[in-house]
Amino acid sequence: ESNMLFGYHTADETRRTFLLPLWNVYSFFVTYANLDKWKPNVGAFHETPLLDRWILARLQEVIAEVTAALDDYDAPRASRAVEPFIDDLSNWYLRRSRRRFWKSEDDDDKHAAYATLYEVLVTLTKLLAPFMPFVTESMYQNLVRGVDANAPESVHHCAFPQADAAKLDAQLLADMAAARQVVTLGHSTRSAKNIKIRQPLARAIVVADAEPRAGLDHLRELVADELNVKSVEFAAREEELVSYQLRPNLQTLSEKVKQLIPEPADLAEDDKPRRKELREKRKALTAAIQNALAALDASRVVADVRAGRSVKLAVDGMNVELTSNDVLVTPQPKSGFAVMSEGNLVVALDTVLTPELAAEGLAREFVRRVQDLRKSAGLDVADHIRVYYAATPKLARAVEAFRAYIAGETLADALTAGAAPKDAASVDDAFDSEKVTVALAKV
């Protein structure tokens, strides 16, 4: 009975935020499965990796949500349940798993990645078939009918997916949510301090409550890789990383001060001396409250404020009670750290750059230039190349120090400091006060 607000911009937004990410994941899988000649049911692997178990658990959540919504004839709620899953699949699972598909080793981990992504995509074709009948049919024909002629002729002939309780790992879902929150805070900290994600840092330090901390402990490696830090450590208290500046919220405090020093009933509108005296008294009380607040143990006040408890002060013979909205807490990071917090979770990044870390950051920037050049030159993802470069001294030393890393990331069989052949694709660039000319040729 509701109007459907549909038009070009709405359709284009759906294409951009939902359809294209889904198709890109599907296209990625097809590209690498064809390169590796992977087929479903090629044999069992010994253990399902943690990231695979997580995306399969998320898939069960979505199946349950969509099924419940459709049982209630609520198609909008059903479709909205899938949207965040596509983001999880594209921007977390696949991005974190790309190296597993790229690597040359044909091991259990690679087979697990293929099998997991295949299961997710095939299940999505069935789950989305009522909403996107033609796109899902195209995907199904390639993913399923293309490898199994005995499969149902159409995705619309398949049974609707059912959630598998055995794969719904609630603890893993909670742990991964905590890890992603840490990553979000870490990325926000980098952004606030203008530190590029390609620049490695020594460590991230996390302060968290006992339960999320226990879950984060076994995801340290994933968090460290995502934040591009060498290690993830835990601190017992935020005070190990920051000091606090406490200030009253003057906007809310002014109302409290007016209540503590009310306007006399007999105060005339034109009685300027008494009105000036009243303003001075309120101003003095505000300053006294500010001084009293600053004199308290900042750590205890912060604990009270974050727990929603009030802060009680005795000022000029009056009892003043400040709510959590009346107190502004400004963390001051200790030297060498950048800190960001959300609720009881605090993430600090060690921002001190050693020469080794700085050199690795330059090497990563160099890799990005090579990868961009590969793309603009129209090379296939599996093509091996020869790389030629001419760089300023500091960058040249970084490239030399990280030759193996650069070669592995770019599929470079040779990395040469010097002039490139005339037919090589090339680009001139500058970053971080360094200049470079990069050229490449297909092997």
Protein backbone atom coordinates (compact mmCIF):
# COMPACT_ATOMS: atom_id res chain seq x y z
CA GLU A 1 0.00 0.00 0.00
CA SER A 2 3.06 2.27 0.05
CA ASN A 3 4.23 4.49 -2.79
CA MET A 4 7.42 3.26 -4.44
CA LEU A 5 9.92 6.13 -4.73
CA PHE A 6 11.76 4.91 -7.78
CA GLY A 7 13.57 6.73 -10.54
CA TYR A 8 16.91 7.20 -12.26
CA HIS A 9 18.86 8.37 -9.20
CA THR A 10 17.44 5.66 -6.95
CA ALA A 11 18.19 3.00 -9.56
CA ASP A 12 21.70 4.36 -10.11
CA GLU A 13 22.38 4.35 -6.36
CA THR A 14 21.27 0.71 -6.20
CA ARG A 15 23.51 -0.12 -9.15
CA ARG A 16 26.50 1.61 -7.55
CA THR A 17 26.18 0.38 -3.95
CA PHE A 18 24.69 -3.08 -4.47
CA LEU A 19 24.71 -4.48 -7.98
CA LEU A 20 28.25 -3.45 -8.98
CA PRO A 21 29.91 -4.70 -5.75
CA LEU A 22 28.08 -8.03 -6.12
CA TRP A 23 29.07 -8.32 -9.78
CA ASN A 24 32.67 -7.36 -9.01
CA VAL A 25 32.94 -10.16 -6.43
CA TYR A 26 31.41 -12.60 -8.91
CA SER A 27 33.75 -11.38 -11.68
CA PHE A 28 36.78 -11.70 -9.40
CA PHE A 29 35.87 -15.29 -8.55
CA VAL A 30 35.28 -16.27 -12.17
CA THR A 31 38.53 -14.67 -13.33
CA TYR A 32 40.75 -16.46 -10.82
CA ALA A 33 38.84 -19.76 -10.88
CA ASN A 34 39.39 -19.86 -14.66
CA LEU A 35 43.08 -18.98 -14.28
CA ASP A 36 43.57 -21.78 -11.74
CA LYS A 37 41.14 -24.13 -13.53
CA TRP A 38 39.35 -24.58 -10.19
CA LYS A 39 36.18 -26.64 -10.07
CA PRO A 40 33.80 -27.23 -7.15
CA ASN A 41 34.06 -30.50 -5.24
CA VAL A 42 37.74 -30.95 -6.04
CA GLY A 43 38.37 -32.50 -2.63
CA ALA A 44 38.15 -31.67 1.03
CA PHE A 45 40.58 -29.42 2.90
CA HIS A 46 41.66 -30.13 6.44
CA GLU A 47 40.34 -27.08 8.26
CA THR A 48 38.13 -24.13 7.33
CA PRO A 49 40.10 -20.92 7.97
CA LEU A 50 38.70 -18.39 10.41
CA LEU A 51 37.80 -15.74 7.81
CA ASP A 52 35.87 -18.35 5.80
CA ARG A 53 34.00 -19.48 8.89
CA TRP A 54 33.09 -15.86 9.58
CA ILE A 55 31.60 -15.09 6.14
CA LEU A 56 29.66 -18.38 6.20
CA ALA A 57 28.28 -17.47 9.63
CA ARG A 58 27.26 -14.03 8.30
CA LEU A 59 25.60 -15.78 5.37
CA GLN A 60 23.47 -17.88 7.75
CA GLU A 61 22.42 -14.69 9.56
CA VAL A 62 21.30 -13.12 6.31
CA ILE A 63 19.43 -16.22 5.14
CA ALA A 64 17.51 -16.25 8.44
CA GLU A 65 16.73 -12.51 8.23
CA VAL A 66 15.57 -12.65 4.61
CA THR A 67 13.47 -15.76 5.19
CA ALA A 68 11.76 -14.24 8.25
CA ALA A 69 11.00 -11.03 6.36
CA LEU A 70 9.59 -12.83 3.32
CA ASP A 71 7.49 -15.05 5.58
CA ASP A 72 5.96 -11.77 6.79
CA TYR A 73 5.50 -10.60 3.17
CA ASP A 74 7.94 -7.74 3.91
CA ALA A 75 10.07 -7.57 0.76
CA PRO A 76 11.73 -4.21 1.57
CA ARG A 77 13.01 -5.51 4.91
CA ALA A 78 14.24 -8.69 3.22
CA SER A 79 16.18 -6.79 0.57
CA ARG A 80 17.66 -4.37 3.12
CA ALA A 81 19.02 -7.33 5.08
CA VAL A 82 21.24 -8.31 2.14
CA GLU A 83 22.78 -4.87 1.55
CA PRO A 84 25.22 -4.86 4.51
CA PHE A 85 26.17 -8.45 3.71
CA ILE A 86 27.31 -7.47 0.21
CA ASP A 87 29.48 -4.78 1.82
CA ASP A 88 30.90 -7.34 4.27
CA LEU A 89 31.58 -9.75 1.41
CA SER A 90 33.24 -7.19 -0.85
CA ASN A 91 34.99 -4.78 1.50
CA TRP A 92 36.04 -7.16 4.24
CA TYR A 93 36.03 -10.84 3.27
CA LEU A 94 37.26 -10.56 -0.32
CA ARG A 95 39.65 -7.69 0.36
CA ARG A 96 41.17 -9.64 3.25
CA SER A 97 41.31 -12.84 1.12
CA ARG A 98 42.71 -11.54 -2.18
CA ARG A 99 46.23 -12.84 -1.54
CA ARG A 100 44.84 -16.34 -1.03
CA PHE A 101 43.59 -16.33 -4.64
CA TRP A 102 46.68 -14.56 -6.02
CA LYS A 103 49.33 -16.82 -4.52
CA SER A 104 50.94 -19.47 -6.67
CA GLU A 105 50.79 -22.27 -4.08
CA ASP A 106 47.94 -24.70 -4.73
CA ASP A 107 47.32 -25.50 -1.06
CA ASP A 108 44.42 -26.11 1.32
CA ASP A 109 44.09 -22.42 2.12
CA LYS A 110 43.57 -21.55 -1.54
CA HIS A 111 41.06 -24.36 -2.05
CA ALA A 112 39.19 -23.24 1.08
CA ALA A 113 39.00 -19.68 -0.25
CA TYR A 114 37.60 -20.85 -3.59
CA ALA A 115 35.12 -23.27 -1.99
CA THR A 116 33.89 -20.66 0.48
CA LEU A 117 33.42 -17.88 -2.07
CA TYR A 118 31.72 -20.32 -4.43
CA GLU A 119 29.29 -21.41 -1.71
CA VAL A 120 28.49 -17.80 -0.84
CA LEU A 121 27.92 -16.75 -4.45
CA VAL A 122 25.74 -19.75 -5.33
CA THR A 123 23.67 -19.24 -2.17
CA LEU A 124 23.29 -15.54 -2.99
CA THR A 125 21.95 -16.34 -6.47
CA LYS A 126 19.18 -18.39 -4.84
CA LEU A 127 18.58 -15.88 -2.05
CA LEU A 128 18.35 -12.92 -4.46
CA ALA A 129 16.49 -14.71 -7.24
CA PRO A 130 13.07 -13.28 -6.22
CA PHE A 131 14.51 -9.74 -6.24
CA MET A 132 16.92 -9.86 -9.21
CA PRO A 133 15.64 -12.69 -11.44
CA PHE A 134 17.77 -12.01 -14.53
CA VAL A 135 21.15 -11.16 -12.96
CA THR A 136 20.97 -14.14 -10.62
CA GLU A 137 19.94 -16.42 -13.50
CA SER A 138 23.01 -15.33 -15.44
CA MET A 139 25.27 -15.98 -12.47
CA TYR A 140 23.63 -19.34 -11.75
CA GLN A 141 24.01 -20.58 -15.32
CA ASN A 142 27.74 -19.89 -15.22
CA LEU A 143 28.49 -20.92 -11.62
CA VAL A 144 26.28 -24.03 -11.41
CA ARG A 145 24.98 -25.20 -14.76
CA GLY A 146 28.36 -24.46 -16.36
CA VAL A 147 30.01 -27.14 -14.21
CA ASP A 148 27.08 -29.49 -13.44
CA ALA A 149 24.71 -30.39 -16.26
CA ASN A 150 22.55 -32.35 -13.79
CA ALA A 151 21.80 -29.28 -11.65
CA PRO A 152 18.30 -27.73 -11.83
CA GLU A 153 17.83 -26.00 -15.17
CA SER A 154 17.26 -22.57 -13.64
CA VAL A 155 17.97 -20.80 -10.35
CA HIS A 156 14.19 -20.39 -10.11
CA HIS A 157 13.83 -24.17 -9.97
CA CYS A 158 16.07 -24.41 -6.89
CA ALA A 159 14.89 -24.63 -3.32
CA PHE A 160 15.17 -21.41 -1.34
CA PRO A 161 18.23 -21.46 0.99
CA GLN A 162 17.81 -22.52 4.60
CA ALA A 163 20.05 -21.27 7.43
CA ASP A 164 22.51 -23.87 8.72
CA ALA A 165 22.74 -23.56 12.51
CA ALA A 166 26.01 -25.50 12.54
CA LYS A 167 27.71 -22.66 10.63
CA LEU A 168 26.18 -19.83 12.67
CA ASP A 169 29.08 -19.06 15.05
CA ALA A 170 27.74 -16.22 17.21
CA GLN A 171 31.00 -15.82 19.15
CA LEU A 172 33.06 -15.48 15.99
CA LEU A 173 30.61 -12.90 14.65
CA ALA A 174 30.97 -10.87 17.86
CA ASP A 175 34.77 -11.18 17.82
CA MET A 176 35.00 -10.06 14.19
CA ALA A 177 32.68 -7.12 14.90
CA ALA A 178 35.06 -6.03 17.68
CA ALA A 179 38.06 -6.44 15.37
CA ARG A 180 36.41 -4.33 12.70
CA GLN A 181 35.62 -1.65 15.26
CA VAL A 182 39.31 -1.55 16.21
CA VAL A 183 40.23 -1.29 12.53
CA THR A 184 37.73 1.54 11.97
CA LEU A 185 39.17 3.51 14.89
CA GLY A 186 42.71 2.82 13.68
CA HIS A 187 41.90 4.04 10.18
CA SER A 188 40.20 7.14 11.61
CA THR A 189 43.31 7.83 13.69
CA ARG A 190 45.52 7.57 10.60
CA SER A 191 43.19 9.88 8.69
CA ALA A 192 43.12 12.45 11.50
CA LYS A 193 46.92 12.49 11.63
CA ASN A 194 47.28 12.35 7.82
CA ILE A 195 49.23 9.06 7.95
CA LYS A 196 48.65 7.03 4.79
CA ILE A 197 47.54 3.42 5.21
CA ARG A 198 50.46 2.32 3.00
CA GLN A 199 52.90 3.63 5.62
CA PRO A 200 53.67 0.79 8.08
CA LEU A 201 53.72 1.66 11.78
CA ALA A 202 55.40 -0.14 14.65
CA ARG A 203 52.33 -1.06 16.70
CA ALA A 204 48.72 -0.50 17.63
CA ILE A 205 47.74 -0.58 21.31
CA VAL A 206 44.17 -1.48 22.26
CA VAL A 207 42.31 -0.88 25.50
CA ALA A 208 39.10 -2.93 25.67
CA ASP A 209 36.80 -4.60 28.17
CA ALA A 210 37.59 -8.19 29.10
CA GLU A 211 35.09 -9.89 26.77
CA PRO A 212 35.94 -8.12 23.48
CA ARG A 213 39.63 -8.23 24.41
CA ALA A 214 39.51 -12.02 24.67
CA GLY A 215 37.87 -12.19 21.24
CA LEU A 216 40.37 -9.75 19.74
CA ASP A 217 43.32 -11.74 21.00
CA HIS A 218 43.01 -14.49 18.38
CA LEU A 219 42.38 -11.93 15.62
CA ARG A 220 45.56 -9.93 16.28
CA GLU A 221 47.23 -10.95 13.03
CA LEU A 222 44.23 -9.92 10.94
CA VAL A 223 43.92 -6.54 12.73
CA ALA A 224 47.66 -5.90 12.42
CA ASP A 225 47.60 -6.60 8.68
CA GLU A 226 44.53 -4.44 8.11
CA LEU A 227 45.98 -1.52 10.07
CA ASN A 228 49.44 -2.07 8.53
CA VAL A 229 51.21 -2.27 11.89
CA LYS A 230 53.90 -4.70 12.96
CA SER A 231 52.11 -5.77 16.14
CA VAL A 232 48.90 -5.35 18.11
CA GLU A 233 49.29 -5.01 21.86
CA PHE A 234 46.86 -4.56 24.73
CA ALA A 235 46.98 -2.05 27.56
CA ALA A 236 45.06 -2.48 30.81
CA ARG A 237 44.07 1.17 31.18
CA GLU A 238 43.60 4.08 28.82
CA GLU A 239 45.71 6.22 31.16
CA GLU A 240 48.78 4.33 29.91
CA LEU A 241 48.24 6.06 26.57
CA VAL A 242 46.63 9.41 27.31
CA SER A 243 46.05 12.08 29.88
CA TYR A 244 42.68 13.83 30.12
CA GLN A 245 41.56 17.41 29.99
CA LEU A 246 38.23 17.97 31.76
CA ARG A 247 36.05 20.95 30.93
CA PRO A 248 32.47 21.80 31.78
CA ASN A 249 30.01 21.93 28.91
CA LEU A 250 29.19 25.63 29.15
CA GLN A 251 26.04 25.23 27.08
CA THR A 252 24.41 22.89 29.61
CA LEU A 253 26.20 24.32 32.65
CA SER A 254 24.73 27.79 32.15
CA GLU A 255 21.25 26.43 32.87
CA LYS A 256 22.49 24.76 36.06
CA VAL A 257 24.17 27.99 37.20
CA LYS A 258 20.94 29.92 36.59
CA GLN A 259 19.13 27.43 38.81
CA LEU A 260 21.79 27.69 41.54
CA ILE A 261 21.77 31.49 41.39
CA PRO A 262 18.21 32.32 40.32
CA GLU A 263 17.00 35.74 39.36
CA PRO A 264 15.39 37.51 42.38
CA ALA A 265 11.64 37.89 42.10
CA ASP A 266 11.82 41.65 42.73
CA LEU A 267 14.52 42.30 40.10
CA ALA A 268 13.34 45.06 37.82
CA GLU A 269 14.01 44.97 34.08
CA ASP A 270 15.89 48.30 34.19
CA ASP A 271 17.92 47.55 37.35
CA LYS A 272 21.27 47.40 35.57
CA PRO A 273 23.55 47.37 38.66
CA ARG A 274 21.80 44.34 40.21
CA ARG A 275 21.67 42.57 36.85
CA LYS A 276 25.42 43.17 36.41
CA GLU A 277 26.01 41.82 39.94
CA LEU A 278 23.93 38.73 39.10
CA ARG A 279 25.96 38.10 35.93
CA GLU A 280 29.22 38.45 37.86
CA LYS A 281 28.06 35.96 40.51
CA ARG A 282 27.08 33.42 37.84
CA LYS A 283 30.37 33.97 36.01
CA ALA A 284 32.31 33.45 39.26
CA LEU A 285 30.39 30.27 40.05
CA THR A 286 31.03 28.91 36.53
CA ALA A 287 34.76 29.55 36.95
CA ALA A 288 34.72 27.93 40.41
CA ILE A 289 32.99 24.83 38.99
CA GLN A 290 35.56 24.70 36.20
CA ASN A 291 38.44 24.87 38.71
CA ALA A 292 36.83 22.28 41.00
CA LEU A 293 36.34 19.90 38.07
CA ALA A 294 39.96 20.33 36.94
CA ALA A 295 41.17 19.53 40.49
CA LEU A 296 39.49 16.09 40.54
CA ASP A 297 41.15 12.79 39.65
CA ALA A 298 40.63 12.88 35.87
CA SER A 299 40.67 9.09 35.50
CA ARG A 300 37.86 8.61 38.02
CA VAL A 301 35.79 11.39 36.45
CA VAL A 302 36.19 9.86 32.99
CA ALA A 303 35.12 6.46 34.32
CA ASP A 304 32.01 8.02 35.89
CA VAL A 305 31.14 10.04 32.79
CA ARG A 306 31.48 7.04 30.43
CA ALA A 307 29.35 4.94 32.79
CA GLY A 308 26.67 7.63 32.80
CA ARG A 309 27.19 8.49 36.47
CA SER A 310 27.04 12.05 37.77
CA VAL A 311 29.98 14.00 39.20
CA LYS A 312 29.36 15.75 42.52
CA LEU A 313 31.21 18.94 43.52
CA ALA A 314 31.18 21.19 46.56
CA VAL A 315 31.63 24.76 45.31
CA ASP A 316 31.28 27.95 47.42
CA GLY A 317 29.11 26.16 49.94
CA MET A 318 26.83 24.70 47.25
CA ASN A 319 26.44 21.10 46.12
CA VAL A 320 26.76 20.93 42.35
CA GLU A 321 25.88 17.75 40.47
CA LEU A 322 27.15 17.43 36.90
CA THR A 323 25.69 14.82 34.60
CA SER A 324 27.72 13.07 31.93
CA ASN A 325 26.39 15.64 29.43
CA ASP A 326 27.83 18.48 31.54
CA VAL A 327 31.43 17.24 31.34
CA LEU A 328 33.59 17.36 28.21
CA VAL A 329 36.50 14.92 28.15
CA THR A 330 39.41 15.62 25.78
CA PRO A 331 42.07 12.86 25.64
CA GLN A 332 45.60 14.17 25.23
CA PRO A 333 47.79 11.46 23.63
CA LYS A 334 51.20 10.89 25.12
CA SER A 335 54.17 11.80 22.96
CA GLY A 336 54.57 9.56 19.92
CA PHE A 337 50.99 8.26 19.92
CA ALA A 338 47.77 9.08 18.12
CA VAL A 339 44.66 7.96 19.96
CA MET A 340 40.96 7.56 19.18
CA SER A 341 38.20 6.07 21.32
CA GLU A 342 34.59 4.97 21.08
CA GLY A 343 32.76 3.98 24.25
CA ASN A 344 35.08 1.75 26.27
CA LEU A 345 37.27 0.91 23.27
CA VAL A 346 40.50 2.86 22.77
CA VAL A 347 42.97 2.43 19.91
CA ALA A 348 46.40 4.09 19.91
CA LEU A 349 48.89 4.05 17.05
CA ASP A 350 52.62 4.43 17.63
CA THR A 351 53.41 7.18 15.11
CA VAL A 352 57.21 7.19 15.47
CA LEU A 353 58.73 6.30 12.10
CA THR A 354 62.07 4.54 12.10
CA PRO A 355 64.19 4.69 8.91
CA GLU A 356 63.19 1.06 8.19
CA LEU A 357 59.47 1.83 8.46
CA ALA A 358 59.82 4.93 6.30
CA ALA A 359 61.65 2.91 3.62
CA GLU A 360 58.95 0.24 3.63
CA GLY A 361 56.32 2.96 3.19
CA LEU A 362 58.17 4.23 0.11
CA ALA A 363 58.37 0.69 -1.27
CA ARG A 364 54.61 0.28 -0.88
CA GLU A 365 54.03 3.56 -2.70
CA PHE A 366 56.30 2.29 -5.49
CA VAL A 367 54.20 -0.90 -5.72
CA ARG A 368 51.07 1.17 -6.12
CA ARG A 369 52.61 3.04 -9.08
CA VAL A 370 53.55 -0.24 -10.74
CA GLN A 371 50.08 -1.69 -10.21
CA ASP A 372 48.41 1.44 -11.61
CA LEU A 373 50.71 1.23 -14.64
CA ARG A 374 49.84 -2.46 -15.12
CA LYS A 375 46.17 -1.53 -15.22
CA SER A 376 46.59 1.42 -17.61
CA ALA A 377 48.75 -0.77 -19.89
CA GLY A 378 45.89 -3.28 -20.15
CA LEU A 379 47.82 -6.23 -18.72
CA ASP A 380 46.05 -9.35 -17.53
CA VAL A 381 46.09 -10.08 -13.78
CA ALA A 382 48.32 -13.13 -14.36
CA ASP A 383 50.84 -11.47 -16.70
CA HIS A 384 54.43 -11.40 -15.47
CA ILE A 385 56.44 -8.26 -16.14
CA ARG A 386 59.87 -6.67 -16.14
CA VAL A 387 60.07 -3.38 -14.21
CA TYR A 388 62.50 -0.54 -14.93
CA TYR A 389 62.83 2.55 -12.76
CA ALA A 390 64.82 5.71 -12.14
CA ALA A 391 64.28 7.29 -8.71
CA THR A 392 65.70 9.83 -6.32
CA PRO A 393 68.36 8.32 -4.00
CA LYS A 394 66.17 7.72 -0.92
CA LEU A 395 63.43 6.01 -2.93
CA ALA A 396 65.99 3.99 -4.93
CA ARG A 397 67.46 2.64 -1.69
CA ALA A 398 63.97 1.69 -0.48
CA VAL A 399 63.21 -0.15 -3.73
CA GLU A 400 66.49 -2.04 -3.48
CA ALA A 401 65.86 -2.97 0.17
CA PHE A 402 62.39 -4.36 -0.61
CA ARG A 403 63.06 -5.96 -4.00
CA ALA A 404 61.54 -9.32 -3.04
CA TYR A 405 58.36 -7.72 -1.67
CA ILE A 406 57.92 -5.52 -4.76
CA ALA A 407 58.50 -8.43 -7.15
CA GLY A 408 56.00 -10.62 -5.32
CA GLU A 409 53.30 -7.94 -5.26
CA THR A 410 53.63 -6.97 -8.92
CA LEU A 411 54.54 -10.33 -10.56
CA ALA A 412 57.84 -8.79 -11.62
CA ASP A 413 60.42 -11.31 -12.86
CA ALA A 414 63.04 -8.54 -13.05
CA LEU A 415 63.46 -5.20 -11.28
CA THR A 416 66.07 -3.02 -12.99
CA ALA A 417 67.39 0.43 -12.10
CA GLY A 418 67.98 1.99 -15.50
CA ALA A 419 66.52 2.87 -18.87
CA ALA A 420 63.58 0.89 -20.22
CA PRO A 421 63.05 -0.43 -23.76
CA LYS A 422 61.36 2.07 -26.08
CA ASP A 423 58.16 0.02 -26.32
CA ALA A 424 57.70 -0.20 -22.52
CA ALA A 425 54.76 1.54 -20.85
CA SER A 426 56.02 4.24 -18.50
CA VAL A 427 54.91 6.97 -16.10
CA ASP A 428 56.56 9.82 -14.18
CA ASP A 429 55.37 10.44 -10.64
CA ALA A 430 56.25 12.14 -7.36
CA PHE A 431 55.25 11.37 -3.77
CA ASP A 432 56.58 12.01 -0.27
CA SER A 433 59.19 14.45 -1.67
CA GLU A 434 60.54 11.69 -3.94
CA LYS A 435 60.47 11.45 -7.75
CA VAL A 436 60.36 8.31 -9.88
CA THR A 437 60.00 7.13 -13.46
CA VAL A 438 58.50 3.63 -13.68
CA ALA A 439 58.32 1.52 -16.83
CA LEU A 440 57.26 -2.05 -17.43
CA ALA A 441 57.18 -4.60 -20.19
CA LYS A 442 55.30 -7.89 -20.38
CA VAL A 443 57.52 -10.96 -20.13
